[in-house]
Amino acid sequence: MNTNSVIFVDLDSVLHRDRHPGELTIATAGIEELLEHRPDLFGWSHHLADAIEGHRCDLIVHSSWRAYMPDTDPRAVLPSCIRHRFAGTTRRNVAREDSILMAARAMALDDDAFLVVDDEPDQFEMLRHRLVVCDPAAGLTTPGAIQEITYWLKRPVTGSIR
């Protein structure tokens, strides 16, 4: 059993606004060029950093970015305020929900030990009860999103998904 809490986090529309039409994407530009041309990337990440401060909580990326993060040091693309919390990415080329379930089982996470933060609730069926939904235009500034995360971090952890 893993005693840390884990937040599986999407990046686009959660830690920063989604792109505007015509803007570069992670798929078309690559990380370095995207970071250079999108200074607003990860602009909402400090909200997450503040919420998890003082808690034993790791972050695992389940975003489409996982396919483009460098294998050598994927945490290097994340902002410094959350970089030290980065524990990895879910499996590439697997649907988001399936990749999260696979990772949770592989890590032997108790059922209450993880949360999912995403802007696309239609991508989740089995994990809806673990989902904090962000408005794509507001990300973590969505009313109630940080409060849900904070509330969850303060709950006792019980149960198992094994």
Protein backbone atom coordinates (compact mmCIF):
# COMPACT_ATOMS: atom_id res chain seq x y z
CA MET A 1 0.00 0.00 0.00
CA ASN A 2 1.27 3.44 -0.94
CA THR A 3 0.84 5.99 1.88
CA ASN A 4 1.17 9.09 -0.31
CA SER A 5 -1.81 10.68 -1.98
CA VAL A 6 -1.57 10.95 -5.75
CA ILE A 7 -3.19 13.43 -8.08
CA PHE A 8 -3.38 12.36 -11.70
CA VAL A 9 -3.33 15.67 -13.51
CA ASP A 10 -4.12 16.80 -17.01
CA LEU A 11 -2.12 19.81 -18.25
CA ASP A 12 -4.04 21.59 -21.03
CA SER A 13 -7.07 23.42 -19.62
CA VAL A 14 -6.08 22.48 -16.07
CA LEU A 15 -2.64 24.00 -15.41
CA HIS A 16 -2.99 26.52 -18.24
CA ARG A 17 -5.61 27.65 -20.73
CA ASP A 18 -6.13 25.56 -23.80
CA ARG A 19 -4.65 26.92 -26.98
CA HIS A 20 -6.43 29.37 -29.22
CA PRO A 21 -7.04 28.34 -32.86
CA GLY A 22 -3.84 28.73 -34.83
CA GLU A 23 -1.55 28.51 -31.80
CA LEU A 24 1.16 25.91 -31.58
CA THR A 25 0.37 22.60 -29.89
CA ILE A 26 2.54 20.07 -28.13
CA ALA A 27 1.93 17.70 -31.06
CA THR A 28 2.93 20.16 -33.77
CA ALA A 29 5.69 22.18 -32.16
CA GLY A 30 7.41 20.10 -29.55
CA ILE A 31 8.00 21.10 -25.96
CA GLU A 32 10.88 23.56 -26.37
CA GLU A 33 9.20 25.61 -29.08
CA LEU A 34 5.87 25.54 -27.26
CA LEU A 35 7.44 26.77 -24.02
CA GLU A 36 9.13 29.57 -25.95
CA HIS A 37 5.95 30.73 -27.70
CA ARG A 38 3.40 30.23 -24.91
CA PRO A 39 4.53 32.19 -21.83
CA ASP A 40 1.16 31.44 -20.21
CA LEU A 41 1.89 27.71 -20.07
CA PHE A 42 1.43 26.35 -16.55
CA GLY A 43 0.07 29.72 -15.44
CA TRP A 44 -2.38 28.11 -13.03
CA SER A 45 0.05 25.58 -11.58
CA HIS A 46 0.75 27.73 -8.51
CA HIS A 47 -2.85 27.11 -7.42
CA LEU A 48 -2.14 23.38 -7.30
CA ALA A 49 1.23 23.92 -5.60
CA ASP A 50 -0.44 26.00 -2.88
CA ALA A 51 -3.23 23.44 -2.38
CA ILE A 52 -0.89 20.47 -1.92
CA GLU A 53 1.69 22.32 0.19
CA GLY A 54 2.14 20.54 3.50
CA HIS A 55 0.57 17.30 2.24
CA ARG A 56 2.21 14.05 1.19
CA CYS A 57 1.03 14.23 -2.38
CA ASP A 58 2.63 13.22 -5.66
CA LEU A 59 1.60 14.35 -9.14
CA ILE A 60 1.35 12.00 -12.11
CA VAL A 61 0.66 13.41 -15.57
CA HIS A 62 -2.06 11.66 -17.58
CA SER A 63 -2.30 14.40 -20.19
CA SER A 64 -1.71 13.97 -23.90
CA TRP A 65 1.61 15.66 -23.07
CA ARG A 66 2.85 12.32 -21.68
CA ALA A 67 3.53 11.20 -25.26
CA TYR A 68 5.82 14.19 -25.85
CA MET A 69 7.63 14.53 -22.53
CA PRO A 70 11.30 13.62 -22.79
CA ASP A 71 12.21 10.21 -21.38
CA THR A 72 15.44 11.55 -19.95
CA ASP A 73 13.93 14.14 -17.60
CA PRO A 74 10.20 14.67 -18.08
CA ARG A 75 9.92 16.82 -14.95
CA ALA A 76 12.12 19.46 -16.63
CA VAL A 77 9.16 20.75 -18.64
CA LEU A 78 7.09 21.42 -15.52
CA PRO A 79 7.26 24.68 -13.58
CA SER A 80 9.47 24.70 -10.50
CA CYS A 81 6.53 25.14 -8.10
CA ILE A 82 5.30 21.58 -8.85
CA ARG A 83 8.35 19.91 -10.38
CA HIS A 84 9.45 18.34 -7.07
CA ARG A 85 6.01 16.66 -6.77
CA PHE A 86 6.25 14.96 -10.17
CA ALA A 87 6.22 11.17 -9.80
CA GLY A 88 5.84 10.19 -13.45
CA THR A 89 3.39 9.81 -16.28
CA THR A 90 0.77 7.23 -16.99
CA ARG A 91 1.34 4.77 -19.79
CA ARG A 92 1.46 6.25 -23.27
CA ASN A 93 -0.88 5.16 -26.07
CA VAL A 94 -3.58 4.11 -23.60
CA ALA A 95 -6.84 5.95 -22.95
CA ARG A 96 -6.64 8.35 -20.02
CA GLU A 97 -8.92 6.46 -17.67
CA ASP A 98 -7.33 3.10 -18.46
CA SER A 99 -3.84 4.52 -18.00
CA ILE A 100 -4.79 5.92 -14.58
CA LEU A 101 -6.36 2.64 -13.45
CA MET A 102 -3.28 0.74 -14.60
CA ALA A 103 -0.96 3.12 -12.74
CA ALA A 104 -3.06 3.03 -9.56
CA ARG A 105 -3.03 -0.76 -9.54
CA ALA A 106 0.70 -0.93 -10.30
CA MET A 107 1.37 1.46 -7.42
CA ALA A 108 -1.02 -0.47 -5.13
CA LEU A 109 -2.87 2.75 -4.36
CA ASP A 110 -5.77 2.52 -1.98
CA ASP A 111 -9.04 3.59 -3.57
CA ASP A 112 -9.16 6.88 -1.66
CA ALA A 113 -5.46 7.61 -2.20
CA PHE A 114 -5.82 9.19 -5.64
CA LEU A 115 -7.72 11.94 -7.36
CA VAL A 116 -8.04 12.86 -11.04
CA VAL A 117 -8.07 16.48 -12.23
CA ASP A 118 -9.19 16.96 -15.83
CA ASP A 119 -11.32 19.17 -18.06
CA GLU A 120 -12.92 16.34 -20.05
CA PRO A 121 -15.38 14.40 -17.87
CA ASP A 122 -16.58 12.42 -20.90
CA GLN A 123 -13.19 10.64 -20.90
CA PHE A 124 -14.07 8.99 -17.58
CA GLU A 125 -16.64 6.45 -16.55
CA MET A 126 -15.22 4.29 -13.76
CA LEU A 127 -13.35 7.18 -12.13
CA ARG A 128 -16.06 9.85 -12.14
CA HIS A 129 -16.25 9.64 -8.35
CA ARG A 130 -12.53 10.56 -8.23
CA LEU A 131 -12.77 13.38 -10.78
CA VAL A 132 -12.37 17.11 -10.20
CA VAL A 133 -13.65 18.73 -13.38
CA CYS A 134 -12.13 22.01 -14.54
CA ASP A 135 -13.75 24.40 -16.96
CA PRO A 136 -11.45 24.38 -20.03
CA ALA A 137 -11.39 28.19 -20.04
CA ALA A 138 -10.55 28.49 -16.33
CA GLY A 139 -8.55 25.39 -15.38
CA LEU A 140 -7.70 25.31 -11.70
CA THR A 141 -9.32 28.73 -11.28
CA THR A 142 -12.69 27.03 -11.89
CA PRO A 143 -14.86 27.83 -8.87
CA GLY A 144 -14.64 24.96 -6.42
CA ALA A 145 -11.79 23.04 -8.09
CA ILE A 146 -9.08 23.91 -5.57
CA GLN A 147 -11.58 23.53 -2.73
CA GLU A 148 -12.38 19.97 -3.88
CA ILE A 149 -8.68 19.12 -3.98
CA THR A 150 -8.07 20.64 -0.55
CA TYR A 151 -11.05 18.83 0.95
CA TRP A 152 -9.88 15.53 -0.52
CA LEU A 153 -6.34 15.99 0.81
CA LYS A 154 -7.70 16.35 4.35
CA ARG A 155 -9.81 13.15 4.27
CA PRO A 156 -8.71 9.91 5.86
CA VAL A 157 -7.56 7.33 3.33
CA THR A 158 -9.26 3.90 3.32
CA GLY A 159 -10.17 1.10 0.91
CA SER A 160 -8.33 -0.59 -1.97
CA ILE A 161 -8.80 -0.94 -5.72
CA ARG A 162 -6.76 -4.14 -5.97
